[in-house]
Amino acid sequence: MNITILGSTGMVGSRLVLESARRGHHVLAGSRQAPAHQDPTVTVVGVDAGSSGQLAVALNGSDIVLLAVRPDHRNEQSTASLTGTVLEAAAVEGVPVLVAGGAGPLYSVDESLRLVVDDPRYVDPSWRDVALASLTQLETCLRHENQRWTYASPPAVLEPGRRTGAYRRGTTTLLIAPGGSSRIPVEDFAVAILDEVESPGNDRHFTVAESLEHVARSTHADHR
């Protein structure tokens, strides 16, 4: 497949590039800054996700676009407008969009009407703006005329780690382990997204978390 990845130098985007290339896809890695990439299947280009003209070039000939752009913490609310611009450009090019979003729009596991963004157990007030931006991003997708999109939410904790290739999948409710943790290595988040690219499901909004087997191994190691 020909996959365009926007935000390709970020924590999530860079892993999406690696996972896509690992599977033999042809990748156009787009970001404001375009560092060289050693893999011959990866083409690096400078792309401003807020520019319709640059997006038209980046999306031309793509089978899907993965949106992993995250503005800096002082400009989180621009996430929604960037997402709208990408959806518009993708509609013109006839390309579906998969958004690597945030956990904010998920429902808390024990309170069916409470969103994670409003649950201090998972969202510290100091970074609530980040979670709120992901909620606004999903709302932008839901309202947009272009409905060829899928939204992937990580669990409460998404951080660099080791790729295991295993994960649990859910829909719109935060996944937690028996001990109360809700996390996944960003490498496995990329695995889940590429699995969705290659074998699309029926869920417009889905989430993933580390496998229970991995949780059990980690817990056992912590108690040794």
Protein backbone atom coordinates (compact mmCIF):
# COMPACT_ATOMS: atom_id res chain seq x y z
CA MET A 1 0.00 0.00 0.00
CA ASN A 2 0.95 3.63 -0.44
CA ILE A 3 0.61 5.25 2.98
CA THR A 4 0.96 8.95 3.74
CA ILE A 5 1.85 9.68 7.36
CA LEU A 6 1.42 13.25 8.60
CA GLY A 7 3.34 14.16 11.74
CA SER A 8 5.94 11.55 10.87
CA THR A 9 8.64 12.81 13.24
CA GLY A 10 6.52 12.74 16.41
CA MET A 11 6.36 10.00 19.02
CA VAL A 12 3.45 8.22 17.33
CA GLY A 13 4.17 9.23 13.75
CA SER A 14 7.76 8.00 13.80
CA ARG A 15 6.61 4.57 15.01
CA LEU A 16 3.95 4.49 12.31
CA VAL A 17 6.66 5.08 9.73
CA LEU A 18 8.78 2.25 11.14
CA GLU A 19 5.86 -0.17 11.41
CA SER A 20 4.62 0.62 7.90
CA ALA A 21 8.08 0.14 6.41
CA ARG A 22 8.55 -3.04 8.43
CA ARG A 23 5.48 -4.47 6.70
CA GLY A 24 6.70 -3.54 3.24
CA HIS A 25 4.42 -0.59 2.55
CA HIS A 26 5.55 2.44 0.57
CA VAL A 27 5.55 5.40 2.95
CA LEU A 28 5.42 9.11 2.31
CA ALA A 29 6.54 10.59 5.62
CA GLY A 30 5.35 14.16 5.93
CA SER A 31 6.21 16.72 8.59
CA ARG A 32 7.12 20.39 8.85
CA GLN A 33 10.74 19.30 9.06
CA ALA A 34 11.83 16.49 6.78
CA PRO A 35 14.90 14.64 8.10
CA ALA A 36 16.44 11.97 5.88
CA HIS A 37 15.34 8.36 6.30
CA GLN A 38 17.53 5.35 5.55
CA ASP A 39 14.75 2.98 4.44
CA PRO A 40 14.37 3.09 0.63
CA THR A 41 10.60 2.48 0.94
CA VAL A 42 10.21 5.75 2.88
CA THR A 43 10.01 9.06 1.02
CA VAL A 44 10.41 12.08 3.29
CA VAL A 45 8.75 15.37 2.36
CA GLY A 46 8.09 18.66 4.08
CA VAL A 47 4.34 19.07 4.62
CA ASP A 48 2.35 21.63 6.57
CA ALA A 49 -0.86 19.82 7.54
CA GLY A 50 -2.64 23.18 7.56
CA SER A 51 -1.87 23.83 3.88
CA SER A 52 -4.45 22.47 1.44
CA GLY A 53 -2.00 22.82 -1.45
CA GLN A 54 0.77 20.87 0.25
CA LEU A 55 -1.70 18.22 1.39
CA ALA A 56 -2.98 17.75 -2.16
CA VAL A 57 0.53 16.88 -3.29
CA ALA A 58 1.21 14.62 -0.30
CA LEU A 59 -2.06 12.69 -0.63
CA ASN A 60 -2.02 12.22 -4.38
CA GLY A 61 -1.70 8.52 -5.16
CA SER A 62 -2.02 7.42 -1.52
CA ASP A 63 -4.25 4.56 -0.42
CA ILE A 64 -4.69 6.02 3.08
CA VAL A 65 -3.44 8.89 5.20
CA LEU A 66 -2.48 8.45 8.85
CA LEU A 67 -2.85 11.68 10.81
CA ALA A 68 -0.50 11.82 13.79
CA VAL A 69 0.12 15.56 14.01
CA ARG A 70 0.29 16.96 17.56
CA PRO A 71 0.70 20.73 17.95
CA ASP A 72 2.83 22.02 20.80
CA HIS A 73 1.26 22.43 24.24
CA ARG A 74 0.65 26.14 23.73
CA ASN A 75 -1.41 25.52 20.61
CA GLU A 76 -3.39 22.35 21.32
CA GLN A 77 -6.68 23.74 20.06
CA SER A 78 -5.29 23.98 16.52
CA THR A 79 -5.60 20.18 16.39
CA ALA A 80 -9.26 20.43 15.36
CA SER A 81 -8.69 22.88 12.51
CA LEU A 82 -5.74 20.86 11.20
CA THR A 83 -7.89 17.74 11.27
CA GLY A 84 -10.64 19.50 9.34
CA THR A 85 -8.16 20.65 6.71
CA VAL A 86 -6.81 17.11 6.31
CA LEU A 87 -10.33 15.68 6.01
CA GLU A 88 -11.14 18.22 3.29
CA ALA A 89 -7.98 17.47 1.33
CA ALA A 90 -8.51 13.72 1.72
CA ALA A 91 -12.06 14.03 0.38
CA VAL A 92 -10.80 15.77 -2.75
CA GLU A 93 -8.18 13.06 -3.32
CA GLY A 94 -10.55 10.21 -2.40
CA VAL A 95 -8.27 8.98 0.38
CA PRO A 96 -9.55 7.58 3.71
CA VAL A 97 -8.14 9.04 6.94
CA LEU A 98 -7.06 7.21 10.07
CA VAL A 99 -6.53 9.58 12.99
CA ALA A 100 -4.06 8.60 15.70
CA GLY A 101 -5.85 10.59 18.37
CA GLY A 102 -6.03 10.77 22.14
CA ALA A 103 -7.74 9.02 25.04
CA GLY A 104 -9.80 12.06 26.06
CA PRO A 105 -12.95 11.13 24.07
CA LEU A 106 -13.21 7.63 25.59
CA TYR A 107 -15.70 6.78 28.32
CA SER A 108 -14.41 5.94 31.77
CA VAL A 109 -14.80 2.26 32.47
CA ASP A 110 -17.01 2.45 35.56
CA GLU A 111 -19.02 5.55 34.67
CA SER A 112 -20.79 5.16 31.34
CA LEU A 113 -21.48 8.88 30.83
CA ARG A 114 -18.18 10.26 32.10
CA LEU A 115 -15.44 10.92 29.57
CA VAL A 116 -11.80 10.28 30.33
CA VAL A 117 -11.06 13.97 29.74
CA ASP A 118 -13.19 14.71 32.83
CA ASP A 119 -11.78 11.92 34.99
CA PRO A 120 -8.86 13.08 37.18
CA ARG A 121 -7.84 9.47 37.76
CA TYR A 122 -6.55 9.41 34.21
CA VAL A 123 -6.17 13.05 33.21
CA ASP A 124 -4.17 15.30 35.50
CA PRO A 125 -5.45 18.91 35.47
CA SER A 126 -2.02 20.08 34.29
CA TRP A 127 -2.51 18.44 30.89
CA ARG A 128 -6.29 18.48 30.56
CA ASP A 129 -5.96 20.83 27.57
CA VAL A 130 -4.21 18.03 25.67
CA ALA A 131 -7.05 15.60 26.40
CA LEU A 132 -9.66 18.23 25.60
CA ALA A 133 -8.02 18.83 22.21
CA SER A 134 -8.45 15.15 21.34
CA LEU A 135 -12.15 15.35 22.24
CA THR A 136 -12.55 18.39 19.99
CA GLN A 137 -10.66 16.54 17.27
CA LEU A 138 -13.09 13.61 17.35
CA GLU A 139 -16.05 15.99 17.37
CA THR A 140 -14.58 17.63 14.26
CA CYS A 141 -14.47 14.25 12.55
CA LEU A 142 -18.06 13.46 13.55
CA ARG A 143 -19.38 16.77 12.18
CA HIS A 144 -17.35 16.83 8.97
CA GLU A 145 -18.89 16.20 5.55
CA ASN A 146 -16.10 13.71 4.81
CA GLN A 147 -17.03 10.60 6.78
CA ARG A 148 -14.27 8.34 5.44
CA TRP A 149 -12.31 8.34 8.68
CA THR A 150 -11.42 6.12 11.62
CA TYR A 151 -10.31 7.41 15.02
CA ALA A 152 -7.82 5.42 17.11
CA SER A 153 -7.59 6.26 20.81
CA PRO A 154 -4.67 5.06 22.93
CA PRO A 155 -5.17 4.11 26.60
CA ALA A 156 -4.49 6.56 29.42
CA VAL A 157 -0.70 6.07 29.26
CA LEU A 158 1.08 5.99 25.91
CA GLU A 159 4.86 5.99 26.08
CA PRO A 160 7.91 4.54 24.31
CA GLY A 161 8.66 0.93 25.12
CA ARG A 162 9.20 -2.45 23.52
CA ARG A 163 7.22 -3.72 20.55
CA THR A 164 5.42 -6.94 21.49
CA GLY A 165 2.99 -7.11 18.57
CA ALA A 166 0.14 -7.94 20.99
CA TYR A 167 -2.66 -5.79 22.35
CA ARG A 168 -6.31 -5.76 23.41
CA ARG A 169 -8.87 -3.91 21.34
CA GLY A 170 -12.03 -2.14 22.43
CA THR A 171 -14.35 0.55 21.10
CA THR A 172 -15.31 3.73 22.95
CA THR A 173 -14.57 2.79 26.58
CA LEU A 174 -11.13 3.06 28.18
CA LEU A 175 -9.46 -0.33 28.59
CA ILE A 176 -7.92 -1.03 31.98
CA ALA A 177 -6.05 -4.03 33.37
CA PRO A 178 -7.16 -5.91 36.52
CA GLY A 179 -4.74 -3.83 38.61
CA GLY A 180 -6.21 -0.60 37.27
CA SER A 181 -3.48 0.36 34.79
CA SER A 182 -4.33 1.61 31.30
CA ARG A 183 -1.30 1.75 29.07
CA ILE A 184 0.43 0.56 25.90
CA PRO A 185 3.89 1.06 24.38
CA VAL A 186 3.64 3.46 21.46
CA GLU A 187 5.26 0.75 19.33
CA ASP A 188 2.23 -1.51 19.89
CA PHE A 189 -0.16 1.38 19.29
CA ALA A 190 1.47 1.62 15.85
CA VAL A 191 1.00 -2.14 15.39
CA ALA A 192 -2.72 -1.79 16.13
CA ILE A 193 -3.11 1.10 13.71
CA LEU A 194 -1.35 -0.77 10.90
CA ASP A 195 -3.48 -3.83 11.61
CA GLU A 196 -6.52 -1.59 11.12
CA VAL A 197 -5.06 -0.22 7.88
CA GLU A 198 -4.50 -3.69 6.48
CA SER A 199 -7.73 -5.26 7.79
CA PRO A 200 -10.27 -2.51 8.53
CA GLY A 201 -12.90 -3.26 11.14
CA ASN A 202 -16.39 -1.83 11.47
CA ASP A 203 -15.64 0.53 14.38
CA ARG A 204 -15.30 4.21 13.52
CA HIS A 205 -13.75 4.83 16.93
CA PHE A 206 -11.63 2.17 18.61
CA THR A 207 -9.08 1.92 21.37
CA VAL A 208 -6.34 -0.50 22.36
CA ALA A 209 -4.27 -1.37 25.43
CA GLU A 210 -1.44 -3.72 26.27
CA SER A 211 -2.31 -7.41 26.28
CA LEU A 212 -3.25 -8.99 29.60
CA GLU A 213 -0.43 -11.49 29.11
CA HIS A 214 2.05 -8.61 28.92
CA VAL A 215 0.47 -7.01 32.01
CA ALA A 216 0.85 -10.29 33.92
CA ARG A 217 4.50 -10.66 32.90
CA SER A 218 5.26 -7.08 33.91
CA THR A 219 3.52 -7.52 37.27
CA HIS A 220 5.42 -10.74 37.92
CA ALA A 221 8.73 -9.05 37.07
CA ASP A 222 7.95 -6.15 39.42
CA HIS A 223 7.43 -8.58 42.31
CA ARG A 224 10.58 -10.61 41.76
